[in-house]
N, C-alpha and C. Protein backbone atom coordinates (compact mmCIF):
# COMPACT_ATOMS: atom_id res chain seq x y z
N MET A 1 -109.62 6.89 -73.98
CA MET A 1 -108.41 7.45 -73.38
C MET A 1 -108.83 8.88 -72.84
N ILE A 2 -109.28 9.59 -73.67
CA ILE A 2 -109.69 11.01 -73.41
C ILE A 2 -110.69 11.14 -72.35
N HIS A 3 -111.68 10.13 -72.71
CA HIS A 3 -112.92 10.09 -71.51
C HIS A 3 -112.45 9.67 -70.21
N GLU A 4 -111.48 8.59 -70.27
CA GLU A 4 -111.07 8.15 -68.88
C GLU A 4 -110.08 9.33 -68.20
N TYR A 5 -109.44 10.14 -68.95
CA TYR A 5 -108.69 11.17 -68.30
C TYR A 5 -109.79 12.26 -67.89
N GLY A 6 -110.63 12.55 -68.56
CA GLY A 6 -111.63 13.57 -68.02
C GLY A 6 -112.22 13.07 -66.86
N GLU A 7 -112.70 11.88 -66.81
CA GLU A 7 -113.28 11.34 -65.63
C GLU A 7 -112.41 11.33 -64.38
N ALA A 8 -111.15 11.02 -64.62
CA ALA A 8 -110.08 11.16 -63.52
C ALA A 8 -109.84 12.54 -62.98
N TYR A 9 -109.94 13.36 -64.03
CA TYR A 9 -109.67 14.78 -63.46
C TYR A 9 -110.89 15.33 -62.65
N ARG A 10 -112.21 14.93 -63.04
CA ARG A 10 -113.33 15.27 -62.39
C ARG A 10 -113.28 14.65 -61.03
N GLU A 11 -112.97 13.44 -61.00
CA GLU A 11 -112.99 12.76 -59.59
C GLU A 11 -111.85 13.33 -58.66
N ARG A 12 -110.74 13.57 -59.27
CA ARG A 12 -109.69 14.19 -58.57
C ARG A 12 -110.12 15.55 -57.98
N SER A 13 -110.76 16.40 -58.70
CA SER A 13 -111.27 17.64 -58.40
C SER A 13 -112.36 17.49 -57.13
N ARG A 14 -113.34 16.57 -57.27
CA ARG A 14 -114.21 16.22 -56.21
C ARG A 14 -113.47 15.79 -54.84
N LEU A 15 -112.42 14.97 -55.07
CA LEU A 15 -111.63 14.69 -53.77
C LEU A 15 -110.90 15.85 -53.25
N HIS A 16 -110.33 16.70 -53.97
CA HIS A 16 -109.73 17.95 -53.43
C HIS A 16 -110.74 18.74 -52.80
N TYR A 17 -111.95 18.93 -53.37
CA TYR A 17 -112.98 19.62 -52.64
C TYR A 17 -113.38 19.00 -51.23
N LYS A 18 -113.47 17.65 -51.22
CA LYS A 18 -113.78 17.06 -49.91
C LYS A 18 -112.54 17.13 -49.13
N MET A 19 -111.39 17.18 -49.35
CA MET A 19 -110.26 17.47 -48.44
C MET A 19 -110.21 18.82 -47.95
N ILE A 20 -110.67 19.84 -48.71
CA ILE A 20 -110.90 21.23 -48.12
C ILE A 20 -111.99 21.26 -47.19
N SER A 21 -112.98 20.57 -47.31
CA SER A 21 -114.26 20.50 -46.48
C SER A 21 -113.87 19.86 -45.20
N VAL A 22 -112.78 19.17 -45.08
CA VAL A 22 -112.48 18.32 -43.78
C VAL A 22 -112.21 19.38 -42.77
N GLY A 23 -111.60 20.62 -43.09
CA GLY A 23 -111.27 21.61 -42.10
C GLY A 23 -109.85 21.59 -41.67
N GLU A 24 -109.41 22.41 -40.96
CA GLU A 24 -108.01 22.69 -40.56
C GLU A 24 -107.47 21.83 -39.36
N GLY A 25 -108.55 21.26 -38.59
CA GLY A 25 -108.09 20.76 -37.34
C GLY A 25 -107.33 19.34 -37.72
N ASN A 26 -106.41 19.14 -36.69
CA ASN A 26 -105.50 17.74 -36.99
C ASN A 26 -106.03 16.70 -36.11
N SER A 27 -107.22 16.48 -35.76
CA SER A 27 -107.67 15.50 -34.87
C SER A 27 -107.42 14.13 -35.77
N PRO A 28 -107.17 12.99 -35.12
CA PRO A 28 -106.84 11.66 -35.55
C PRO A 28 -107.93 11.47 -36.66
N GLU A 29 -109.20 11.69 -36.51
CA GLU A 29 -110.27 11.45 -37.62
C GLU A 29 -110.11 12.23 -38.88
N ASN A 30 -109.82 13.64 -38.63
CA ASN A 30 -109.35 14.30 -39.79
C ASN A 30 -108.11 13.95 -40.54
N MET A 31 -107.18 13.64 -39.77
CA MET A 31 -105.95 13.14 -40.44
C MET A 31 -106.23 11.93 -41.19
N ASP A 32 -107.00 10.92 -40.76
CA ASP A 32 -107.25 9.70 -41.48
C ASP A 32 -108.09 9.91 -42.79
N ILE A 33 -109.11 10.86 -42.59
CA ILE A 33 -109.79 11.20 -43.82
C ILE A 33 -108.85 11.91 -44.89
N ARG A 34 -108.10 12.82 -44.32
CA ARG A 34 -107.14 13.44 -45.37
C ARG A 34 -106.15 12.40 -45.98
N ARG A 35 -105.58 11.53 -45.25
CA ARG A 35 -104.65 10.52 -45.65
C ARG A 35 -105.43 9.61 -46.70
N ASN A 36 -106.63 9.18 -46.54
CA ASN A 36 -107.28 8.31 -47.36
C ASN A 36 -107.68 9.18 -48.68
N LEU A 37 -108.00 10.44 -48.51
CA LEU A 37 -108.33 11.18 -49.87
C LEU A 37 -106.98 11.27 -50.62
N LEU A 38 -105.86 11.60 -49.82
CA LEU A 38 -104.53 11.86 -50.61
C LEU A 38 -104.15 10.70 -51.29
N VAL A 39 -104.27 9.49 -50.86
CA VAL A 39 -104.04 8.18 -51.35
C VAL A 39 -104.80 8.11 -52.78
N ARG A 40 -106.20 8.34 -52.64
CA ARG A 40 -106.97 8.28 -53.93
C ARG A 40 -106.46 9.34 -55.03
N ILE A 41 -106.29 10.62 -54.50
CA ILE A 41 -105.73 11.66 -55.36
C ILE A 41 -104.46 11.21 -56.06
N LYS A 42 -103.57 10.82 -55.30
CA LYS A 42 -102.32 10.22 -55.99
C LYS A 42 -102.45 9.25 -56.91
N ALA A 43 -103.27 8.30 -56.72
CA ALA A 43 -103.58 7.18 -57.64
C ALA A 43 -104.11 7.73 -58.88
N LEU A 44 -105.12 8.63 -58.86
CA LEU A 44 -105.84 9.24 -59.94
C LEU A 44 -104.74 10.01 -60.73
N SER A 45 -103.78 10.91 -60.09
CA SER A 45 -102.84 11.51 -60.76
C SER A 45 -101.85 10.64 -61.60
N ALA A 46 -101.45 9.54 -60.82
CA ALA A 46 -100.51 8.59 -61.68
C ALA A 46 -101.19 8.05 -62.80
N ARG A 47 -102.40 7.79 -62.67
CA ARG A 47 -103.18 7.20 -63.97
C ARG A 47 -103.15 8.34 -65.02
N MET A 48 -103.56 9.46 -64.52
CA MET A 48 -103.63 10.58 -65.46
C MET A 48 -102.24 10.88 -66.19
N ASP A 49 -101.11 10.67 -65.54
CA ASP A 49 -99.79 10.79 -66.09
C ASP A 49 -99.68 9.76 -67.12
N VAL A 50 -99.99 8.48 -66.98
CA VAL A 50 -99.92 7.42 -67.99
C VAL A 50 -100.75 7.83 -69.14
N LEU A 51 -102.06 8.19 -68.88
CA LEU A 51 -102.87 8.66 -70.04
C LEU A 51 -102.41 9.65 -70.83
N PHE A 52 -101.83 10.65 -70.17
CA PHE A 52 -101.30 11.85 -70.84
C PHE A 52 -100.02 11.58 -71.68
N ILE A 53 -99.25 10.67 -71.25
CA ILE A 53 -98.19 10.09 -71.91
C ILE A 53 -98.72 9.32 -73.41
N ALA A 54 -99.66 8.48 -72.91
CA ALA A 54 -100.10 7.69 -74.07
C ALA A 54 -100.69 8.70 -75.20
N LYS A 55 -101.53 9.66 -74.66
CA LYS A 55 -102.03 10.43 -75.75
C LYS A 55 -100.91 11.27 -76.50
N ASP A 56 -99.92 11.87 -75.75
CA ASP A 56 -98.76 12.57 -76.54
C ASP A 56 -98.17 11.66 -77.54
N ASN A 57 -97.80 10.38 -77.02
CA ASN A 57 -97.20 9.42 -77.87
C ASN A 57 -98.02 9.25 -79.24
N TYR A 58 -99.24 9.21 -79.00
CA TYR A 58 -100.23 8.91 -80.17
C TYR A 58 -100.09 10.01 -81.15
N LEU A 59 -100.17 11.22 -80.58
CA LEU A 59 -100.39 12.54 -81.34
C LEU A 59 -99.02 12.81 -82.14
N ARG A 60 -97.83 12.29 -81.62
CA ARG A 60 -96.62 12.47 -82.16
C ARG A 60 -96.36 11.29 -83.20
N SER A 61 -96.73 10.03 -82.84
CA SER A 61 -96.24 9.02 -83.75
C SER A 61 -97.44 8.27 -84.39
N ARG A 62 -98.62 8.49 -83.94
CA ARG A 62 -99.87 7.91 -84.30
C ARG A 62 -99.90 6.38 -84.27
N VAL A 63 -99.16 5.97 -83.12
CA VAL A 63 -99.27 4.67 -82.60
C VAL A 63 -100.26 4.55 -81.46
N LEU A 64 -101.27 3.58 -81.69
CA LEU A 64 -102.22 3.46 -80.59
C LEU A 64 -101.65 2.98 -79.44
N PRO A 65 -102.00 3.41 -78.23
CA PRO A 65 -101.53 2.71 -76.97
C PRO A 65 -101.93 1.29 -76.68
N ASP A 66 -101.36 0.72 -75.90
CA ASP A 66 -101.50 -0.60 -75.52
C ASP A 66 -102.86 -0.73 -74.93
N ALA A 67 -103.84 -1.47 -75.08
CA ALA A 67 -105.14 -1.54 -74.48
C ALA A 67 -105.10 -1.84 -72.92
N GLY A 68 -104.05 -2.45 -72.48
CA GLY A 68 -103.93 -2.80 -71.17
C GLY A 68 -103.14 -1.69 -70.42
N ALA A 69 -102.72 -0.72 -71.01
CA ALA A 69 -102.01 0.23 -70.33
C ALA A 69 -102.87 1.17 -69.42
């Protein structure tokens, strides 16, 4: 769980860097690139939220999270 969180954090960071490197122009191509990056970033952030809650629940109650979560 901690490993997956760390991997997601690093990947999200790489995607943010790619978004910055797209530049400030609002050409249709740049907007498509940014849109695709943002979708991936949001998905990673949502997964990180789930992992954080599972870790927090474990630390408080010592109940292992569901393997399918």
